[in-house]
Amino acid sequence: MGKRKSRTKPPPRKRRDKLDTVFSCPFCNHGTSVECKIDMKNLIGEASCRICEESFSTTVTALTEPIDIYSEWIDECERVNNLEDDGAE
Protein backbone atom coordinates (compact mmCIF):
# COMPACT_ATOMS: atom_id res chain seq x y z
CA MET A 1 0.00 0.00 0.00
CA GLY A 2 1.19 3.45 -0.83
CA LYS A 3 1.51 6.40 1.49
CA ARG A 4 -0.72 9.41 1.20
CA LYS A 5 0.87 12.58 -0.03
CA SER A 6 1.32 15.13 2.69
CA ARG A 7 0.31 18.68 2.00
CA THR A 8 3.17 21.07 2.45
CA LYS A 9 2.48 24.65 3.37
CA PRO A 10 3.93 27.29 1.07
CA PRO A 11 6.80 29.24 2.61
CA PRO A 12 5.74 32.50 4.24
CA ARG A 13 6.26 35.61 2.16
CA LYS A 14 8.96 37.98 3.27
CA ARG A 15 7.60 41.31 4.40
CA ARG A 16 9.18 44.28 2.66
CA ASP A 17 9.48 47.45 4.67
CA LYS A 18 7.97 50.55 3.11
CA LEU A 19 10.36 53.31 2.05
CA ASP A 20 9.91 56.81 3.40
CA THR A 21 8.09 59.42 1.33
CA VAL A 22 8.70 62.45 3.59
CA PHE A 23 12.16 63.60 4.64
CA SER A 24 14.02 66.31 6.55
CA CYS A 25 15.01 69.46 4.67
CA PRO A 26 18.75 69.94 3.99
CA PHE A 27 18.36 73.73 4.25
CA CYS A 28 16.12 74.36 7.28
CA ASN A 29 16.68 70.94 8.98
CA HIS A 30 12.97 70.68 9.74
CA GLY A 31 11.97 67.02 10.05
CA THR A 32 9.29 65.56 7.77
CA SER A 33 8.86 68.76 5.78
CA VAL A 34 10.08 67.57 2.37
CA GLU A 35 7.57 65.79 0.17
CA CYS A 36 8.51 64.06 -3.06
CA LYS A 37 6.07 63.96 -5.95
CA ILE A 38 6.52 61.96 -9.13
CA ASP A 39 4.77 62.96 -12.36
CA MET A 40 5.09 59.94 -14.64
CA LYS A 41 3.17 61.68 -17.42
CA ASN A 42 5.91 64.32 -17.84
CA LEU A 43 8.72 62.16 -16.32
CA ILE A 44 9.50 64.78 -13.66
CA GLY A 45 10.14 64.21 -9.98
CA GLU A 46 10.00 67.11 -7.54
CA ALA A 47 11.05 67.39 -3.91
CA SER A 48 9.90 70.50 -2.07
CA CYS A 49 10.03 71.75 1.51
CA ARG A 50 6.80 73.08 3.02
CA ILE A 51 8.63 75.26 5.56
CA CYS A 52 11.38 77.10 3.64
CA GLU A 53 9.86 76.46 0.18
CA GLU A 54 13.11 75.17 -1.34
CA SER A 55 12.57 72.74 -4.19
CA PHE A 56 14.45 70.41 -6.50
CA SER A 57 13.28 68.71 -9.68
CA THR A 58 14.82 65.99 -11.78
CA THR A 59 13.95 63.56 -14.54
CA VAL A 60 12.60 60.17 -13.48
CA THR A 61 12.19 56.69 -14.91
CA ALA A 62 9.63 54.00 -14.24
CA LEU A 63 11.80 52.60 -11.43
CA THR A 64 12.32 55.90 -9.57
CA GLU A 65 11.10 56.11 -5.97
CA PRO A 66 10.76 59.21 -3.75
CA ILE A 67 13.94 58.28 -1.86
CA ASP A 68 15.84 58.44 -5.16
CA ILE A 69 14.71 62.01 -5.79
CA TYR A 70 15.66 63.07 -2.25
CA SER A 71 19.06 61.36 -2.57
CA GLU A 72 19.76 63.17 -5.83
CA TRP A 73 18.88 66.47 -4.13
CA ILE A 74 21.31 65.77 -1.27
CA ASP A 75 24.03 64.75 -3.75
CA GLU A 76 23.49 67.95 -5.75
CA CYS A 77 23.71 70.07 -2.58
CA GLU A 78 27.00 68.40 -1.63
CA ARG A 79 28.37 68.85 -5.15
CA VAL A 80 27.53 72.58 -5.14
CA ASN A 81 29.04 73.02 -1.67
CA ASN A 82 32.26 71.28 -2.77
CA LEU A 83 32.51 73.52 -5.85
CA GLU A 84 32.11 76.62 -3.66
CA ASP A 85 34.78 75.37 -1.24
CA ASP A 86 37.22 74.69 -4.08
CA GLY A 87 36.61 78.13 -5.58
CA ALA A 88 37.18 79.92 -2.25
CA GLU A 89 40.65 78.47 -1.75
PDB file of N, CA and C in Angstrom:
ATOM      1  N   MET A   1       0.844  -1.182   0.000  1.00  0.00           N
ATOM      2  CA  MET A   1       0.000   0.000   0.000  1.00  0.00           C
ATOM      3  C   MET A   1       0.886   1.241   0.000  1.00  0.00           C
ATOM      4  N   GLY A   2       0.422   2.226  -0.734  1.00  0.00           N
ATOM      5  CA  GLY A   2       1.190   3.451  -0.834  1.00  0.00           C
ATOM      6  C   GLY A   2       0.823   4.459   0.249  1.00  0.00           C
ATOM      7  N   LYS A   3       1.762   5.356   0.498  1.00  0.00           N
ATOM      8  CA  LYS A   3       1.506   6.404   1.489  1.00  0.00           C
ATOM      9  C   LYS A   3       0.695   7.526   0.858  1.00  0.00           C
ATOM     10  N   ARG A   4      -0.017   8.238   1.681  1.00  0.00           N
ATOM     11  CA  ARG A   4      -0.721   9.412   1.195  1.00  0.00           C
ATOM     12  C   ARG A   4       0.251  10.573   1.104  1.00  0.00           C
ATOM     13  N   LYS A   5       0.007  11.410   0.128  1.00  0.00           N
ATOM     14  CA  LYS A   5       0.875  12.576  -0.032  1.00  0.00           C
ATOM     15  C   LYS A   5       0.536  13.604   1.036  1.00  0.00           C
ATOM     16  N   SER A   6       1.561  14.105   1.670  1.00  0.00           N
ATOM     17  CA  SER A   6       1.323  15.133   2.691  1.00  0.00           C
ATOM     18  C   SER A   6       1.269  16.497   2.016  1.00  0.00           C
ATOM     19  N   ARG A   7       0.425  17.337   2.540  1.00  0.00           N
ATOM     20  CA  ARG A   7       0.314  18.684   1.995  1.00  0.00           C
ATOM     21  C   ARG A   7       1.348  19.569   2.682  1.00  0.00           C
ATOM     22  N   THR A   8       2.169  20.167   1.877  1.00  0.00           N
ATOM     23  CA  THR A   8       3.168  21.072   2.452  1.00  0.00           C
ATOM     24  C   THR A   8       2.651  22.498   2.341  1.00  0.00           C
ATOM     25  N   LYS A   9       2.900  23.263   3.370  1.00  0.00           N
ATOM     26  CA  LYS A   9       2.482  24.655   3.374  1.00  0.00           C
ATOM     27  C   LYS A   9       3.475  25.464   2.560  1.00  0.00           C
ATOM     28  N   PRO A  10       2.990  26.449   1.807  1.00  0.00           N
ATOM     29  CA  PRO A  10       3.930  27.293   1.072  1.00  0.00           C
ATOM     30  C   PRO A  10       4.746  28.132   2.051  1.00  0.00           C
ATOM     31  N   PRO A  11       5.988  28.443   1.694  1.00  0.00           N
ATOM     32  CA  PRO A  11       6.805  29.240   2.614  1.00  0.00           C
ATOM     33  C   PRO A  11       6.193  30.635   2.809  1.00  0.00           C
ATOM     34  N   PRO A  12       6.316  31.174   4.000  1.00  0.00           N
ATOM     35  CA  PRO A  12       5.737  32.499   4.243  1.00  0.00           C
ATOM     36  C   PRO A  12       6.449  33.569   3.411  1.00  0.00           C
ATOM     37  N   ARG A  13       5.673  34.540   2.959  1.00  0.00           N
ATOM     38  CA  ARG A  13       6.259  35.607   2.162  1.00  0.00           C
ATOM     39  C   ARG A  13       7.045  36.560   3.044  1.00  0.00           C
ATOM     40  N   LYS A  14       8.159  37.016   2.517  1.00  0.00           N
ATOM     41  CA  LYS A  14       8.958  37.976   3.267  1.00  0.00           C
ATOM     42  C   LYS A  14       8.294  39.343   3.202  1.00  0.00           C
ATOM     43  N   ARG A  15       8.219  39.992   4.334  1.00  0.00           N
ATOM     44  CA  ARG A  15       7.602  41.305   4.395  1.00  0.00           C
ATOM     45  C   ARG A  15       8.622  42.367   4.032  1.00  0.00           C
ATOM     46  N   ARG A  16       8.279  43.201   3.072  1.00  0.00           N
ATOM     47  CA  ARG A  16       9.177  44.279   2.658  1.00  0.00           C
ATOM     48  C   ARG A  16       8.777  45.542   3.390  1.00  0.00           C
ATOM     49  N   ASP A  17       9.755  46.205   3.977  1.00  0.00           N
ATOM     50  CA  ASP A  17       9.482  47.450   4.667  1.00  0.00           C
ATOM     51  C   ASP A  17       9.222  48.549   3.645  1.00  0.00           C
ATOM     52  N   LYS A  18       8.299  49.433   3.981  1.00  0.00           N
ATOM     53  CA  LYS A  18       7.972  50.551   3.109  1.00  0.00           C
ATOM     54  C   LYS A  18       9.073  51.603   3.194  1.00  0.00           C
ATOM     55  N   LEU A  19       9.390  52.223   2.069  1.00  0.00           N
ATOM     56  CA  LEU A  19      10.362  53.312   2.049  1.00  0.00           C
ATOM     57  C   LEU A  19       9.678  54.605   2.439  1.00  0.00           C
ATOM     58  N   ASP A  20      10.460  55.523   2.997  1.00  0.00           N
ATOM     59  CA  ASP A  20       9.910  56.812   3.401  1.00  0.00           C
ATOM     60  C   ASP A  20       9.502  57.636   2.184  1.00  0.00           C
ATOM     61  N   THR A  21       8.503  58.497   2.379  1.00  0.00           N
ATOM     62  CA  THR A  21       8.090  59.420   1.332  1.00  0.00           C
ATOM     63  C   THR A  21       8.225  60.870   1.784  1.00  0.00           C
ATOM     64  N   VAL A  22       8.441  61.103   3.077  1.00  0.00           N
ATOM     65  CA  VAL A  22       8.702  62.450   3.591  1.00  0.00           C
ATOM     66  C   VAL A  22      10.052  62.432   4.298  1.00  0.00           C
ATOM     67  N   PHE A  23      10.790  63.547   4.161  1.00  0.00           N
ATOM     68  CA  PHE A  23      12.165  63.595   4.637  1.00  0.00           C
ATOM     69  C   PHE A  23      12.434  64.919   5.343  1.00  0.00           C
ATOM     70  N   SER A  24      13.627  65.055   5.914  1.00  0.00           N
ATOM     71  CA  SER A  24      14.017  66.308   6.546  1.00  0.00           C
ATOM     72  C   SER A  24      14.693  67.195   5.497  1.00  0.00           C
ATOM     73  N   CYS A  25      14.503  68.498   5.641  1.00  0.00           N
ATOM     74  CA  CYS A  25      15.014  69.458   4.670  1.00  0.00           C
ATOM     75  C   CYS A  25      16.510  69.697   4.892  1.00  0.00           C
ATOM     76  N   PRO A  26      17.319  69.690   3.823  1.00  0.00           N
ATOM     77  CA  PRO A  26      18.752  69.944   3.989  1.00  0.00           C
ATOM     78  C   PRO A  26      19.062  71.415   4.268  1.00  0.00           C
ATOM     79  N   PHE A  27      18.116  72.311   4.052  1.00  0.00           N
ATOM     80  CA  PHE A  27      18.363  73.733   4.255  1.00  0.00           C
ATOM     81  C   PHE A  27      17.890  74.216   5.618  1.00  0.00           C
ATOM     82  N   CYS A  28      16.653  73.885   6.001  1.00  0.00           N
ATOM     83  CA  CYS A  28      16.124  74.363   7.279  1.00  0.00           C
ATOM     84  C   CYS A  28      16.170  73.294   8.371  1.00  0.00           C
ATOM     85  N   ASN A  29      16.577  72.067   8.046  1.00  0.00           N
ATOM     86  CA  ASN A  29      16.684  70.942   8.983  1.00  0.00           C
ATOM     87  C   ASN A  29      15.385  70.643   9.715  1.00  0.00           C
ATOM     88  N   HIS A  30      14.270  70.985   9.135  1.00  0.00           N
ATOM     89  CA  HIS A  30      12.975  70.676   9.737  1.00  0.00           C
ATOM     90  C   HIS A  30      12.593  69.256   9.345  1.00  0.00           C
ATOM     91  N   GLY A  31      12.297  68.426  10.320  1.00  0.00           N
ATOM     92  CA  GLY A  31      11.974  67.022  10.049  1.00  0.00           C
ATOM     93  C   GLY A  31      10.628  66.866   9.380  1.00  0.00           C
ATOM     94  N   THR A  32      10.509  65.930   8.507  1.00  0.00           N
ATOM     95  CA  THR A  32       9.292  65.557   7.774  1.00  0.00           C
ATOM     96  C   THR A  32       8.642  66.726   7.047  1.00  0.00           C
ATOM     97  N   SER A  33       9.433  67.629   6.507  1.00  0.00           N
ATOM     98  CA  SER A  33       8.863  68.762   5.785  1.00  0.00           C
ATOM     99  C   SER A  33       9.034  68.650   4.274  1.00  0.00           C
ATOM    100  N   VAL A  34       9.843  67.733   3.806  1.00  0.00           N
ATOM    101  CA  VAL A  34      10.084  67.574   2.371  1.00  0.00           C
ATOM    102  C   VAL A  34       9.203  66.450   1.835  1.00  0.00           C
ATOM    103  N   GLU A  35       8.397  66.784   0.841  1.00  0.00           N
ATOM    104  CA  GLU A  35       7.567  65.793   0.173  1.00  0.00           C
ATOM    105  C   GLU A  35       8.072  65.598  -1.241  1.00  0.00           C
ATOM    106  N   CYS A  36       8.078  64.379  -1.698  1.00  0.00           N
ATOM    107  CA  CYS A  36       8.506  64.062  -3.057  1.00  0.00           C
ATOM    108  C   CYS A  36       7.293  63.658  -3.875  1.00  0.00           C
ATOM    109  N   LYS A  37       7.163  64.281  -5.047  1.00  0.00           N
ATOM    110  CA  LYS A  37       6.067  63.960  -5.953  1.00  0.00           C
ATOM    111  C   LYS A  37       6.648  63.515  -7.281  1.00  0.00           C
ATOM    112  N   ILE A  38       6.044  62.493  -7.861  1.00  0.00           N
ATOM    113  CA  ILE A  38       6.516  61.957  -9.135  1.00  0.00           C
ATOM    114  C   ILE A  38       5.405  62.107 -10.160  1.00  0.00           C
ATOM    115  N   ASP A  39       5.711  62.792 -11.258  1.00  0.00           N
ATOM    116  CA  ASP A  39       4.770  62.963 -12.359  1.00  0.00           C
ATOM    117  C   ASP A  39       5.241  62.083 -13.509  1.00  0.00           C
ATOM    118  N   MET A  40       4.656  60.891 -13.610  1.00  0.00           N
ATOM    119  CA  MET A  40       5.091  59.945 -14.641  1.00  0.00           C
ATOM    120  C   MET A  40       4.646  60.371 -16.039  1.00  0.00           C
ATOM    121  N   LYS A  41       3.632  61.219 -16.118  1.00  0.00           N
ATOM    122  CA  LYS A  41       3.169  61.676 -17.423  1.00  0.00           C
ATOM    123  C   LYS A  41       4.232  62.541 -18.093  1.00  0.00           C
ATOM    124  N   ASN A  42       4.866  63.422 -17.314  1.00  0.00           N
ATOM    125  CA  ASN A  42       5.906  64.315 -17.839  1.00  0.00           C
ATOM    126  C   ASN A  42       7.312  63.853 -17.481  1.00  0.00           C
ATOM    127  N   LEU A  43       7.433  62.725 -16.754  1.00  0.00           N
ATOM    128  CA  LEU A  43       8.717  62.162 -16.320  1.00  0.00           C
ATOM    129  C   LEU A  43       9.529  63.162 -15.493  1.00  0.00           C
ATOM    130  N   ILE A  44       8.858  63.811 -14.541  1.00  0.00           N
ATOM    131  CA  ILE A  44       9.504  64.782 -13.664  1.00  0.00           C
ATOM    132  C   ILE A  44       9.225  64.390 -12.218  1.00  0.00           C
ATOM    133  N   GLY A  45      10.280  64.436 -11.416  1.00  0.00           N
ATOM    134  CA  GLY A  45      10.141  64.210  -9.982  1.00  0.00           C
ATOM    135  C   GLY A  45      10.519  65.480  -9.255  1.00  0.00           C
ATOM    136  N   GLU A  46       9.738  65.856  -8.246  1.00  0.00           N
ATOM    137  CA  GLU A  46       9.997  67.106  -7.536  1.00  0.00           C
ATOM    138  C   GLU A  46       9.981  66.861  -6.033  1.00  0.00           C
ATOM    139  N   ALA A  47      10.988  67.407  -5.362  1.00  0.00           N
ATOM    140  CA  ALA A  47      11.055  67.385  -3.906  1.00  0.00           C
ATOM    141  C   ALA A  47      10.974  68.833  -3.450  1.00  0.00           C
ATOM    142  N   SER A  48      10.051  69.128  -2.535  1.00  0.00           N
ATOM    143  CA  SER A  48       9.898  70.504  -2.071  1.00  0.00           C
ATOM    144  C   SER A  48       9.643  70.525  -0.575  1.00  0.00           C
ATOM    145  N   CYS A  49      10.179  71.564   0.075  1.00  0.00           N
ATOM    146  CA  CYS A  49      10.029  71.754   1.510  1.00  0.00           C
ATOM    147  C   CYS A  49       8.826  72.658   1.761  1.00  0.00           C
ATOM    148  N   ARG A  50       7.968  72.265   2.699  1.00  0.00           N
ATOM    149  CA  ARG A  50       6.800  73.079   3.021  1.00  0.00           C
ATOM    150  C   ARG A  50       7.162  74.266   3.894  1.00  0.00           C
ATOM    151  N   ILE A  51       8.273  74.207   4.612  1.00  0.00           N
ATOM    152  CA  ILE A  51       8.635  75.258   5.558  1.00  0.00           C
ATOM    153  C   ILE A  51       9.399  76.388   4.869  1.00  0.00           C
ATOM    154  N   CYS A  52      10.546  76.059   4.258  1.00  0.00           N
ATOM    155  CA  CYS A  52      11.382  77.099   3.644  1.00  0.00           C
ATOM    156  C   CYS A  52      11.143  77.238   2.144  1.00  0.00           C
ATOM    157  N   GLU A  53      10.260  76.408   1.575  1.00  0.00           N
ATOM    158  CA  GLU A  53       9.856  76.463   0.177  1.00  0.00           C
ATOM    159  C   GLU A  53      10.996  76.253  -0.821  1.00  0.00           C
ATOM    160  N   GLU A  54      12.060  75.567  -0.406  1.00  0.00           N
ATOM    161  CA  GLU A  54      13.110  75.165  -1.336  1.00  0.00           C
ATOM    162  C   GLU A  54      12.588  73.978  -2.138  1.00  0.00           C
ATOM    163  N   SER A  55      13.030  73.865  -3.379  1.00  0.00           N
ATOM    164  CA  SER A  55      12.568  72.741  -4.193  1.00  0.00           C
ATOM    165  C   SER A  55      13.676  72.268  -5.114  1.00  0.00           C
ATOM    166  N   PHE A  56      13.507  71.040  -5.590  1.00  0.00           N
ATOM    167  CA  PHE A  56      14.453  70.410  -6.498  1.00  0.00           C
ATOM    168  C   PHE A  56      13.655  69.524  -7.434  1.00  0.00           C
ATOM    169  N   SER A  57      13.959  69.585  -8.725  1.00  0.00           N
ATOM    170  CA  SER A  57      13.276  68.710  -9.675  1.00  0.00           C
ATOM    171  C   SER A  57      14.301  68.004 -10.545  1.00  0.00           C
ATOM    172  N   THR A  58      13.933  66.814 -10.977  1.00  0.00           N
ATOM    173  CA  THR A  58      14.822  65.992 -11.782  1.00  0.00           C
ATOM    174  C   THR A  58      13.990  65.099 -12.690  1.00  0.00           C
ATOM    175  N   THR A  59      14.641  64.499 -13.663  1.00  0.00           N
ATOM    176  CA  THR A  59      13.948  63.561 -14.541  1.00  0.00           C
ATOM    177  C   THR A  59      13.866  62.205 -13.841  1.00  0.00           C
ATOM    178  N   VAL A  60      12.808  61.463 -14.130  1.00  0.00           N
ATOM    179  CA  VAL A  60      12.596  60.173 -13.478  1.00  0.00           C
ATOM    180  C   VAL A  60      12.385  59.094 -14.531  1.00  0.00           C
ATOM    181  N   THR A  61      12.495  57.857 -14.074  1.00  0.00           N
ATOM    182  CA  THR A  61      12.188  56.694 -14.906  1.00  0.00           C
ATOM    183  C   THR A  61      11.069  55.913 -14.229  1.00  0.00           C
ATOM    184  N   ALA A  62      10.696  54.807 -14.806  1.00  0.00           N
ATOM    185  CA  ALA A  62       9.626  53.998 -14.242  1.00  0.00           C
ATOM    186  C   ALA A  62      10.028  53.365 -12.911  1.00  0.00           C
ATOM    187  N   LEU A  63      11.319  53.240 -12.656  1.00  0.00           N
ATOM    188  CA  LEU A  63      11.800  52.602 -11.434  1.00  0.00           C
ATOM    189  C   LEU A  63      12.115  53.596 -10.320  1.00  0.00           C
ATOM    190  N   THR A  64      11.961  54.880 -10.552  1.00  0.00           N
ATOM    191  CA  THR A  64      12.321  55.902  -9.571  1.00  0.00           C
ATOM    192  C   THR A  64      11.336  55.915  -8.409  1.00  0.00           C
ATOM    193  N   GLU A  65      11.881  56.013  -7.206  1.00  0.00           N
ATOM    194  CA  GLU A  65      11.105  56.107  -5.973  1.00  0.00           C
ATOM    195  C   GLU A  65      11.366  57.481  -5.345  1.00  0.00           C
ATOM    196  N   PRO A  66      10.529  57.913  -4.403  1.00  0.00           N
ATOM    197  CA  PRO A  66      10.761  59.211  -3.755  1.00  0.00           C
ATOM    198  C   PRO A  66      12.118  59.325  -3.074  1.00  0.00           C
ATOM    199  N   ILE A  67      12.625  58.239  -2.503  1.00  0.00           N
ATOM    200  CA  ILE A  67      13.935  58.279  -1.860  1.00  0.00           C
ATOM    201  C   ILE A  67      15.030  58.590  -2.868  1.00  0.00           C
ATOM    202  N   ASP A  68      14.856  58.163  -4.120  1.00  0.00           N
ATOM    203  CA  ASP A  68      15.839  58.438  -5.164  1.00  0.00           C
ATOM    204  C   ASP A  68      15.905  59.934  -5.472  1.00  0.00           C
ATOM    205  N   ILE A  69      14.760  60.572  -5.514  1.00  0.00           N
ATOM    206  CA  ILE A  69      14.715  62.012  -5.793  1.00  0.00           C
ATOM    207  C   ILE A  69      15.378  62.774  -4.658  1.00  0.00           C
ATOM    208  N   TYR A  70      15.061  62.407  -3.413  1.00  0.00           N
ATOM    209  CA  TYR A  70      15.656  63.070  -2.254  1.00  0.00           C
ATOM    210  C   TYR A  70      17.170  62.855  -2.229  1.00  0.00           C
ATOM    211  N   SER A  71      17.627  61.653  -2.554  1.00  0.00           N
ATOM    212  CA  SER A  71      19.062  61.362  -2.573  1.00  0.00           C
ATOM    213  C   SER A  71      19.780  62.177  -3.632  1.00  0.00           C
ATOM    214  N   GLU A  72      19.158  62.336  -4.790  1.00  0.00           N
ATOM    215  CA  GLU A  72      19.755  63.171  -5.833  1.00  0.00           C
ATOM    216  C   GLU A  72      19.862  64.625  -5.379  1.00  0.00           C
ATOM    217  N   TRP A  73      18.857  65.104  -4.636  1.00  0.00           N
ATOM    218  CA  TRP A  73      18.879  66.470  -4.126  1.00  0.00           C
ATOM    219  C   TRP A  73      20.032  66.647  -3.136  1.00  0.00           C
ATOM    220  N   ILE A  74      20.207  65.704  -2.247  1.00  0.00           N
ATOM    221  CA  ILE A  74      21.306  65.767  -1.270  1.00  0.00           C
ATOM    222  C   ILE A  74      22.647  65.717  -1.993  1.00  0.00           C
ATOM    223  N   ASP A  75      22.784  64.844  -2.987  1.00  0.00           N
ATOM    224  CA  ASP A  75      24.030  64.754  -3.754  1.00  0.00           C
ATOM    225  C   ASP A  75      24.330  66.058  -4.479  1.00  0.00           C
ATOM    226  N   GLU A  76      23.299  66.685  -5.041  1.00  0.00           N
ATOM    227  CA  GLU A  76      23.492  67.951  -5.747  1.00  0.00           C
ATOM    228  C   GLU A  76      23.901  69.056  -4.780  1.00  0.00           C
ATOM    229  N   CYS A  77      23.320  69.074  -3.587  1.00  0.00           N
ATOM    230  CA  CYS A  77      23.712  70.067  -2.578  1.00  0.00           C
ATOM    231  C   CYS A  77      25.173  69.892  -2.184  1.00  0.00           C
ATOM    232  N   GLU A  78      25.605  68.657  -1.988  1.00  0.00           N
ATOM    233  CA  GLU A  78      26.999  68.395  -1.632  1.00  0.00           C
ATOM    234  C   GLU A  78      27.929  68.784  -2.766  1.00  0.00           C
ATOM    235  N   ARG A  79      27.526  68.502  -4.002  1.00  0.00           N
ATOM    236  CA  ARG A  79      28.369  68.853  -5.151  1.00  0.00           C
ATOM    237  C   ARG A  79      28.537  70.361  -5.255  1.00  0.00           C
ATOM    238  N   VAL A  80      27.461  71.117  -5.071  1.00  0.00           N
ATOM    239  CA  VAL A  80      27.534  72.575  -5.143  1.00  0.00           C
ATOM    240  C   VAL A  80      28.386  73.122  -4.004  1.00  0.00           C
ATOM    241  N   ASN A  81      28.246  72.564  -2.807  1.00  0.00           N
ATOM    242  CA  ASN A  81      29.045  73.016  -1.671  1.00  0.00           C
ATOM    243  C   ASN A  81      30.524  72.740  -1.890  1.00  0.00           C
ATOM    244  N   ASN A  82      30.857  71.604  -2.480  1.00  0.00           N
ATOM    245  CA  ASN A  82      32.256  71.283  -2.768  1.00  0.00           C
ATOM    246  C   ASN A  82      32.833  72.199  -3.819  1.00  0.00           C
ATOM    247  N   LEU A  83      32.042  72.585  -4.826  1.00  0.00           N
ATOM    248  CA  LEU A  83      32.514  73.523  -5.846  1.00  0.00           C
ATOM    249  C   LEU A  83      32.780  74.889  -5.236  1.00  0.00           C
ATOM    250  N   GLU A  84      31.924  75.327  -4.310  1.00  0.00           N
ATOM    251  CA  GLU A  84      32.109  76.621  -3.663  1.00  0.00           C
ATOM    252  C   GLU A  84      33.344  76.602  -2.779  1.00  0.00           C
ATOM    253  N   ASP A  85      33.589  75.485  -2.087  1.00  0.00           N
ATOM    254  CA  ASP A  85      34.777  75.369  -1.240  1.00  0.00           C
ATOM    255  C   ASP A  85      36.054  75.383  -2.065  1.00  0.00           C
ATOM    256  N   ASP A  86      36.042  74.725  -3.217  1.00  0.00           N
ATOM    257  CA  ASP A  86      37.216  74.692  -4.081  1.00  0.00           C
ATOM    258  C   ASP A  86      37.483  76.067  -4.682  1.00  0.00           C
ATOM    259  N   GLY A  87      36.452  76.806  -5.001  1.00  0.00           N
ATOM    260  CA  GLY A  87      36.614  78.131  -5.579  1.00  0.00           C
ATOM    261  C   GLY A  87      37.079  79.161  -4.573  1.00  0.00           C
ATOM    262  N   ALA A  88      36.801  78.957  -3.288  1.00  0.00           N
ATOM    263  CA  ALA A  88      37.183  79.921  -2.251  1.00  0.00           C
ATOM    264  C   ALA A  88      38.645  79.811  -1.891  1.00  0.00           C
ATOM    265  N   GLU A  89      39.258  78.669  -2.140  1.00  0.00           N
ATOM    266  CA  GLU A  89      40.653  78.471  -1.750  1.00  0.00           C
ATOM    267  C   GLU A  89      41.627  79.057  -2.708  1.00  0.00           C
TER     268      GLU A  89
END
